Amino acid sequence: MTMPVLMRVPSPLAIEQVAQLIVDPATLTGEPTGDYADLADFRRQVDQLLVKDAILTAGSDAELAKVLHQSLIGVRRRTLLDPRTWHWLCLAEYADYTLARWADGADRDLAGTLEGAKLVRFLGQDSLVGRSRNALARLYWGADTAFSVSGDYTKVATVFEIPDLLVGVSERKMGLDPSAAIAIMEELKGLKEKARRKALKRVNFILSTTSLEALSPAQVVELLGLD
């Protein structure tokens, strides 16, 4: 059986284009990435969730991330790092998921009323922040962080357990090292949000003048400054 072609948009989209493309995805132009991926299992998982509830929460993230990551094994890293791939997936194939998870289950026809913070979930640039904000890229790269550490998905729940902690780690330099990222999440998950933010800010400041590659995960955790 031939694997489906994985598509992307020809050029990165601007946020001003998103609402109209949600309403009328048929106007979206795509091109082959040169990779192939069978996303049927992910589609099935999304559909099962949407049958139960039109609004999805963070509780669905970990399992969906695992299935998405499994579905994209074999796709070249350069394709996965290309924001155009994720723009296509969020708009052409999984707008229903993105709306359910990040826009309170809004109907497609009401996309023009959505604020920018919700529309940006369909986009994301080629950066740590961009990958963290895209609705599907954040799932994939979160699962990839877990998989890179253990070779399986046992750490996926840790990655997605606390959404603000995932954002705080993945959008900073420390997110570039999967082992360090997981170690930090495990160390901070028992703290209150204010304490987590303070610790992450401290590490981020130190890493602005220190090479992350020169530190072990344990050494990075020490930089948190916890008692």
C-alpha atoms as a PDB file:
ATOM      1  CA  MET A   1       0.000   0.000   0.000  1.00  0.00           C
ATOM      2  CA  THR A   2       1.382   3.407  -1.030  1.00  0.00           C
ATOM      3  CA  MET A   3       1.857   5.920   1.776  1.00  0.00           C
ATOM      4  CA  PRO A   4       0.095   9.285   1.340  1.00  0.00           C
ATOM      5  CA  VAL A   5       2.239  12.217   0.259  1.00  0.00           C
ATOM      6  CA  LEU A   6       2.952  14.707   3.041  1.00  0.00           C
ATOM      7  CA  MET A   7       2.170  18.211   1.806  1.00  0.00           C
ATOM      8  CA  ARG A   8       3.178  21.752   2.743  1.00  0.00           C
ATOM      9  CA  VAL A   9       2.183  25.257   1.717  1.00  0.00           C
ATOM     10  CA  PRO A  10       4.495  26.789  -0.943  1.00  0.00           C
ATOM     11  CA  SER A  11       5.453  29.711   1.286  1.00  0.00           C
ATOM     12  CA  PRO A  12       4.878  30.578   4.961  1.00  0.00           C
ATOM     13  CA  LEU A  13       1.468  32.089   5.602  1.00  0.00           C
ATOM     14  CA  ALA A  14       0.708  35.385   7.333  1.00  0.00           C
ATOM     15  CA  ILE A  15      -1.766  35.620  10.161  1.00  0.00           C
ATOM     16  CA  GLU A  16      -3.966  37.892   8.017  1.00  0.00           C
ATOM     17  CA  GLN A  17      -4.592  34.948   5.683  1.00  0.00           C
ATOM     18  CA  VAL A  18      -5.580  32.394   8.284  1.00  0.00           C
ATOM     19  CA  ALA A  19      -9.228  33.207   8.990  1.00  0.00           C
ATOM     20  CA  GLN A  20     -10.253  33.050   5.332  1.00  0.00           C
ATOM     21  CA  LEU A  21      -8.350  29.800   4.813  1.00  0.00           C
ATOM     22  CA  ILE A  22     -10.148  28.242   7.775  1.00  0.00           C
ATOM     23  CA  VAL A  23     -13.493  29.227   6.281  1.00  0.00           C
ATOM     24  CA  ASP A  24     -12.547  28.099   2.776  1.00  0.00           C
ATOM     25  CA  PRO A  25      -9.648  25.604   2.895  1.00  0.00           C
ATOM     26  CA  ALA A  26     -10.211  24.719  -0.770  1.00  0.00           C
ATOM     27  CA  THR A  27      -8.356  27.921  -1.663  1.00  0.00           C
ATOM     28  CA  LEU A  28      -5.210  26.686   0.095  1.00  0.00           C
ATOM     29  CA  THR A  29      -2.451  25.662  -2.305  1.00  0.00           C
ATOM     30  CA  GLY A  30      -0.140  22.800  -1.400  1.00  0.00           C
ATOM     31  CA  GLU A  31       2.988  21.137  -2.728  1.00  0.00           C
ATOM     32  CA  PRO A  32       4.693  17.790  -1.937  1.00  0.00           C
ATOM     33  CA  THR A  33       7.374  17.804   0.744  1.00  0.00           C
ATOM     34  CA  GLY A  34       9.088  14.783  -0.769  1.00  0.00           C
ATOM     35  CA  ASP A  35       8.105  12.727   2.273  1.00  0.00           C
ATOM     36  CA  TYR A  36       5.267  10.325   2.945  1.00  0.00           C
ATOM     37  CA  ALA A  37       3.215   9.771   6.089  1.00  0.00           C
ATOM     38  CA  ASP A  38       0.126   7.796   7.028  1.00  0.00           C
ATOM     39  CA  LEU A  39      -1.819   9.936   9.478  1.00  0.00           C
ATOM     40  CA  ALA A  40      -4.892   7.688   9.538  1.00  0.00           C
ATOM     41  CA  ASP A  41      -4.370   6.682  13.180  1.00  0.00           C
ATOM     42  CA  PHE A  42      -4.011  10.296  14.230  1.00  0.00           C
ATOM     43  CA  ARG A  43      -7.111  11.260  12.250  1.00  0.00           C
ATOM     44  CA  ARG A  44      -9.026   8.443  13.923  1.00  0.00           C
ATOM     45  CA  GLN A  45      -7.887   9.533  17.371  1.00  0.00           C
ATOM     46  CA  VAL A  46      -8.907  13.142  16.738  1.00  0.00           C
ATOM     47  CA  ASP A  47     -12.308  12.087  15.407  1.00  0.00           C
ATOM     48  CA  GLN A  48     -12.967   9.913  18.445  1.00  0.00           C
ATOM     49  CA  LEU A  49     -12.234  12.824  20.758  1.00  0.00           C
ATOM     50  CA  LEU A  50     -14.374  15.271  18.785  1.00  0.00           C
ATOM     51  CA  VAL A  51     -17.346  12.911  18.860  1.00  0.00           C
ATOM     52  CA  LYS A  52     -17.250  13.138  22.652  1.00  0.00           C
ATOM     53  CA  ASP A  53     -16.595  16.861  22.992  1.00  0.00           C
ATOM     54  CA  ALA A  54     -16.367  19.851  20.639  1.00  0.00           C
ATOM     55  CA  ILE A  55     -13.820  21.475  22.944  1.00  0.00           C
ATOM     56  CA  LEU A  56     -10.548  19.690  23.687  1.00  0.00           C
ATOM     57  CA  THR A  57      -8.327  20.373  26.679  1.00  0.00           C
ATOM     58  CA  ALA A  58      -4.722  19.765  27.679  1.00  0.00           C
ATOM     59  CA  GLY A  59      -5.770  16.335  28.904  1.00  0.00           C
ATOM     60  CA  SER A  60      -5.826  15.112  25.305  1.00  0.00           C
ATOM     61  CA  ASP A  61      -2.321  16.324  24.452  1.00  0.00           C
ATOM     62  CA  ALA A  62      -0.120  13.454  25.605  1.00  0.00           C
ATOM     63  CA  GLU A  63      -1.922  10.633  23.805  1.00  0.00           C
ATOM     64  CA  LEU A  64      -2.392  12.644  20.616  1.00  0.00           C
ATOM     65  CA  ALA A  65       1.273  13.639  20.679  1.00  0.00           C
ATOM     66  CA  LYS A  66       2.312  10.000  20.891  1.00  0.00           C
ATOM     67  CA  VAL A  67       0.124   8.974  17.943  1.00  0.00           C
ATOM     68  CA  LEU A  68       1.236  11.942  15.822  1.00  0.00           C
ATOM     69  CA  HIS A  69       4.900  11.244  16.505  1.00  0.00           C
ATOM     70  CA  GLN A  70       4.478   7.571  15.605  1.00  0.00           C
ATOM     71  CA  SER A  71       2.702   8.570  12.390  1.00  0.00           C
ATOM     72  CA  LEU A  72       5.584  10.811  11.325  1.00  0.00           C
ATOM     73  CA  ILE A  73       8.454   8.415  12.015  1.00  0.00           C
ATOM     74  CA  GLY A  74      10.522   8.234   8.845  1.00  0.00           C
ATOM     75  CA  VAL A  75       9.785  11.805   7.753  1.00  0.00           C
ATOM     76  CA  ARG A  76      12.965  13.795   7.229  1.00  0.00           C
ATOM     77  CA  ARG A  77      13.912  16.214   9.980  1.00  0.00           C
ATOM     78  CA  ARG A  78      14.171  19.119   7.561  1.00  0.00           C
ATOM     79  CA  THR A  79      10.526  18.563   6.597  1.00  0.00           C
ATOM     80  CA  LEU A  80       9.494  18.487  10.248  1.00  0.00           C
ATOM     81  CA  LEU A  81      11.444  21.677  10.945  1.00  0.00           C
ATOM     82  CA  ASP A  82       9.802  23.423   7.996  1.00  0.00           C
ATOM     83  CA  PRO A  83       6.918  25.588   9.297  1.00  0.00           C
ATOM     84  CA  ARG A  84       5.183  25.233   5.944  1.00  0.00           C
ATOM     85  CA  THR A  85       4.513  21.562   6.730  1.00  0.00           C
ATOM     86  CA  TRP A  86       2.718  22.460   9.934  1.00  0.00           C
ATOM     87  CA  HIS A  87       0.820  25.335   8.316  1.00  0.00           C
ATOM     88  CA  TRP A  88      -0.574  22.839   5.819  1.00  0.00           C
ATOM     89  CA  LEU A  89      -1.485  20.224   8.397  1.00  0.00           C
ATOM     90  CA  CYS A  90      -3.254  22.680  10.698  1.00  0.00           C
ATOM     91  CA  LEU A  91      -5.227  24.389   7.937  1.00  0.00           C
ATOM     92  CA  ALA A  92      -5.805  21.767   5.261  1.00  0.00           C
ATOM     93  CA  GLU A  93      -6.175  18.618   7.347  1.00  0.00           C
ATOM     94  CA  TYR A  94      -6.654  19.391  11.021  1.00  0.00           C
ATOM     95  CA  ALA A  95      -8.408  22.727  11.288  1.00  0.00           C
ATOM     96  CA  ASP A  96     -11.139  20.930  13.242  1.00  0.00           C
ATOM     97  CA  TYR A  97      -8.637  19.790  15.852  1.00  0.00           C
ATOM     98  CA  THR A  98      -6.937  23.181  16.059  1.00  0.00           C
ATOM     99  CA  LEU A  99     -10.261  24.961  16.545  1.00  0.00           C
ATOM    100  CA  ALA A 100     -11.373  22.442  19.163  1.00  0.00           C
ATOM    101  CA  ARG A 101      -8.147  22.640  21.145  1.00  0.00           C
ATOM    102  CA  TRP A 102      -7.278  26.327  20.842  1.00  0.00           C
ATOM    103  CA  ALA A 103     -10.404  28.237  19.793  1.00  0.00           C
ATOM    104  CA  ASP A 104     -13.056  26.825  22.130  1.00  0.00           C
ATOM    105  CA  GLY A 105     -14.502  24.661  19.370  1.00  0.00           C
ATOM    106  CA  ALA A 106     -15.462  27.633  17.193  1.00  0.00           C
ATOM    107  CA  ASP A 107     -17.207  26.904  13.887  1.00  0.00           C
ATOM    108  CA  ARG A 108     -15.157  27.430  10.739  1.00  0.00           C
ATOM    109  CA  ASP A 109     -17.590  30.098   9.547  1.00  0.00           C
ATOM    110  CA  LEU A 110     -16.791  32.196  12.623  1.00  0.00           C
ATOM    111  CA  ALA A 111     -13.026  32.161  12.081  1.00  0.00           C
ATOM    112  CA  GLY A 112     -13.103  35.844  11.160  1.00  0.00           C
ATOM    113  CA  THR A 113     -14.075  36.673  14.740  1.00  0.00           C
ATOM    114  CA  LEU A 114     -11.127  34.866  16.319  1.00  0.00           C
ATOM    115  CA  GLU A 115      -8.374  36.869  17.990  1.00  0.00           C
ATOM    116  CA  GLY A 116      -4.782  36.657  16.843  1.00  0.00           C
ATOM    117  CA  ALA A 117      -3.668  34.498  19.776  1.00  0.00           C
ATOM    118  CA  LYS A 118      -5.983  31.756  18.530  1.00  0.00           C
ATOM    119  CA  LEU A 119      -5.213  32.145  14.843  1.00  0.00           C
ATOM    120  CA  VAL A 120      -1.469  31.880  15.467  1.00  0.00           C
ATOM    121  CA  ARG A 121      -2.016  28.261  16.506  1.00  0.00           C
ATOM    122  CA  PHE A 122      -2.430  27.471  12.799  1.00  0.00           C
ATOM    123  CA  LEU A 123       0.939  29.033  11.968  1.00  0.00           C
ATOM    124  CA  GLY A 124       4.287  29.332  13.768  1.00  0.00           C
ATOM    125  CA  GLN A 125       7.652  30.351  12.378  1.00  0.00           C
ATOM    126  CA  ASP A 126      10.938  28.435  12.141  1.00  0.00           C
ATOM    127  CA  SER A 127      11.945  29.014  15.755  1.00  0.00           C
ATOM    128  CA  LEU A 128      11.524  27.498  19.205  1.00  0.00           C
ATOM    129  CA  VAL A 129       8.607  29.826  19.892  1.00  0.00           C
ATOM    130  CA  GLY A 130       7.068  29.151  16.491  1.00  0.00           C
ATOM    131  CA  ARG A 131       7.135  25.389  16.970  1.00  0.00           C
ATOM    132  CA  SER A 132       5.754  25.778  20.483  1.00  0.00           C
ATOM    133  CA  ARG A 133       2.774  27.839  19.313  1.00  0.00           C
ATOM    134  CA  ASN A 134       1.677  25.714  16.328  1.00  0.00           C
ATOM    135  CA  ALA A 135      -1.109  23.355  17.448  1.00  0.00           C
ATOM    136  CA  LEU A 136       0.407  20.234  15.881  1.00  0.00           C
ATOM    137  CA  ALA A 137       4.121  21.032  15.910  1.00  0.00           C
ATOM    138  CA  ARG A 138       4.000  21.414  19.706  1.00  0.00           C
ATOM    139  CA  LEU A 139       2.546  17.901  19.967  1.00  0.00           C
ATOM    140  CA  TYR A 140       5.155  16.389  17.688  1.00  0.00           C
ATOM    141  CA  TRP A 141       8.179  18.097  19.216  1.00  0.00           C
ATOM    142  CA  GLY A 142       6.953  17.470  22.750  1.00  0.00           C
ATOM    143  CA  ALA A 143       6.680  13.751  21.993  1.00  0.00           C
ATOM    144  CA  ASP A 144      10.028  13.859  20.215  1.00  0.00           C
ATOM    145  CA  THR A 145      11.652  15.295  23.326  1.00  0.00           C
ATOM    146  CA  ALA A 146      10.323  12.368  25.360  1.00  0.00           C
ATOM    147  CA  PHE A 147      11.233   9.793  22.710  1.00  0.00           C
ATOM    148  CA  SER A 148      14.758  11.173  22.342  1.00  0.00           C
ATOM    149  CA  VAL A 149      15.450  10.590  26.034  1.00  0.00           C
ATOM    150  CA  SER A 150      14.075   7.086  26.573  1.00  0.00           C
ATOM    151  CA  GLY A 151      13.494   5.617  23.104  1.00  0.00           C
ATOM    152  CA  ASP A 152       9.814   5.238  23.959  1.00  0.00           C
ATOM    153  CA  TYR A 153       6.901   7.375  25.153  1.00  0.00           C
ATOM    154  CA  THR A 154       7.125   6.848  28.907  1.00  0.00           C
ATOM    155  CA  LYS A 155       8.046  10.511  29.449  1.00  0.00           C
ATOM    156  CA  VAL A 156       5.307  11.979  27.240  1.00  0.00           C
ATOM    157  CA  ALA A 157       2.963  12.441  30.195  1.00  0.00           C
ATOM    158  CA  THR A 158       5.688  14.422  31.979  1.00  0.00           C
ATOM    159  CA  VAL A 159       6.126  16.712  28.970  1.00  0.00           C
ATOM    160  CA  PHE A 160       2.442  17.589  28.668  1.00  0.00           C
ATOM    161  CA  GLU A 161       1.394  17.378  32.323  1.00  0.00           C
ATOM    162  CA  ILE A 162       1.707  21.131  32.968  1.00  0.00           C
ATOM    163  CA  PRO A 163       1.129  23.267  29.840  1.00  0.00           C
ATOM    164  CA  ASP A 164       2.797  26.440  31.135  1.00  0.00           C
ATOM    165  CA  LEU A 165       5.879  24.445  32.131  1.00  0.00           C
ATOM    166  CA  LEU A 166       6.111  22.952  28.642  1.00  0.00           C
ATOM    167  CA  VAL A 167       5.938  26.456  27.178  1.00  0.00           C
ATOM    168  CA  GLY A 168       8.516  27.779  29.629  1.00  0.00           C
ATOM    169  CA  VAL A 169      11.014  25.065  28.748  1.00  0.00           C
ATOM    170  CA  SER A 170      10.395  24.507  25.034  1.00  0.00           C
ATOM    171  CA  GLU A 171      10.511  28.198  24.101  1.00  0.00           C
ATOM    172  CA  ARG A 172      13.911  28.709  25.720  1.00  0.00           C
ATOM    173  CA  LYS A 173      17.432  27.494  24.955  1.00  0.00           C
ATOM    174  CA  MET A 174      17.119  24.685  27.514  1.00  0.00           C
ATOM    175  CA  GLY A 175      14.465  23.128  25.288  1.00  0.00           C
ATOM    176  CA  LEU A 176      17.143  22.279  22.716  1.00  0.00           C
ATOM    177  CA  ASP A 177      18.493  19.486  24.933  1.00  0.00           C
ATOM    178  CA  PRO A 178      15.821  16.788  25.425  1.00  0.00           C
ATOM    179  CA  SER A 179      17.507  15.248  28.481  1.00  0.00           C
ATOM    180  CA  ALA A 180      17.881  18.620  30.173  1.00  0.00           C
ATOM    181  CA  ALA A 181      14.315  19.591  29.270  1.00  0.00           C
ATOM    182  CA  ILE A 182      12.852  16.423  30.798  1.00  0.00           C
ATOM    183  CA  ALA A 183      15.028  16.746  33.906  1.00  0.00           C
ATOM    184  CA  ILE A 184      13.870  20.332  34.434  1.00  0.00           C
ATOM    185  CA  MET A 185      10.203  19.425  33.977  1.00  0.00           C
ATOM    186  CA  GLU A 186      10.473  16.589  36.479  1.00  0.00           C
ATOM    187  CA  GLU A 187      12.225  18.859  38.973  1.00  0.00           C
ATOM    188  CA  LEU A 188       9.752  21.739  38.680  1.00  0.00           C
ATOM    189  CA  LYS A 189       6.396  20.020  38.257  1.00  0.00           C
ATOM    190  CA  GLY A 190       5.746  19.954  42.001  1.00  0.00           C
ATOM    191  CA  LEU A 191       6.210  23.707  42.406  1.00  0.00           C
ATOM    192  CA  LYS A 192       3.704  26.516  42.033  1.00  0.00           C
ATOM    193  CA  GLU A 193       3.666  28.489  38.789  1.00  0.00           C
ATOM    194  CA  LYS A 194       5.397  31.552  40.256  1.00  0.00           C
ATOM    195  CA  ALA A 195       8.270  29.441  41.567  1.00  0.00           C
ATOM    196  CA  ARG A 196       8.557  27.597  38.260  1.00  0.00           C
ATOM    197  CA  ARG A 197       8.779  30.842  36.322  1.00  0.00           C
ATOM    198  CA  LYS A 198      11.436  32.231  38.656  1.00  0.00           C
ATOM    199  CA  ALA A 199      13.569  29.105  38.301  1.00  0.00           C
ATOM    200  CA  LEU A 200      13.231  29.017  34.509  1.00  0.00           C
ATOM    201  CA  LYS A 201      14.124  32.690  34.249  1.00  0.00           C
ATOM    202  CA  ARG A 202      17.254  32.039  36.303  1.00  0.00           C
ATOM    203  CA  VAL A 203      18.360  29.133  34.091  1.00  0.00           C
ATOM    204  CA  ASN A 204      17.632  31.053  30.923  1.00  0.00           C
ATOM    205  CA  PHE A 205      19.775  33.968  32.128  1.00  0.00           C
ATOM    206  CA  ILE A 206      22.704  31.714  33.027  1.00  0.00           C
ATOM    207  CA  LEU A 207      22.502  29.875  29.704  1.00  0.00           C
ATOM    208  CA  SER A 208      22.791  33.186  27.871  1.00  0.00           C
ATOM    209  CA  THR A 209      26.492  33.116  28.783  1.00  0.00           C
ATOM    210  CA  THR A 210      27.025  29.374  29.272  1.00  0.00           C
ATOM    211  CA  SER A 211      27.101  26.594  26.686  1.00  0.00           C
ATOM    212  CA  LEU A 212      24.206  24.187  27.200  1.00  0.00           C
ATOM    213  CA  GLU A 213      26.177  21.472  25.405  1.00  0.00           C
ATOM    214  CA  ALA A 214      28.885  21.607  28.083  1.00  0.00           C
ATOM    215  CA  LEU A 215      26.446  20.783  30.888  1.00  0.00           C
ATOM    216  CA  SER A 216      24.914  17.490  31.956  1.00  0.00           C
ATOM    217  CA  PRO A 217      21.156  17.361  32.720  1.00  0.00           C
ATOM    218  CA  ALA A 218      22.016  17.221  36.433  1.00  0.00           C
ATOM    219  CA  GLN A 219      24.138  20.349  36.122  1.00  0.00           C
ATOM    220  CA  VAL A 220      21.323  22.165  34.318  1.00  0.00           C
ATOM    221  CA  VAL A 221      18.938  21.198  37.127  1.00  0.00           C
ATOM    222  CA  GLU A 222      21.401  22.670  39.648  1.00  0.00           C
ATOM    223  CA  LEU A 223      21.103  25.988  37.826  1.00  0.00           C
ATOM    224  CA  LEU A 224      17.439  26.142  38.870  1.00  0.00           C
ATOM    225  CA  GLY A 225      18.653  27.280  42.285  1.00  0.00           C
ATOM    226  CA  LEU A 226      16.196  25.159  44.238  1.00  0.00           C
ATOM    227  CA  ASP A 227      16.832  24.340  47.895  1.00  0.00           C
END
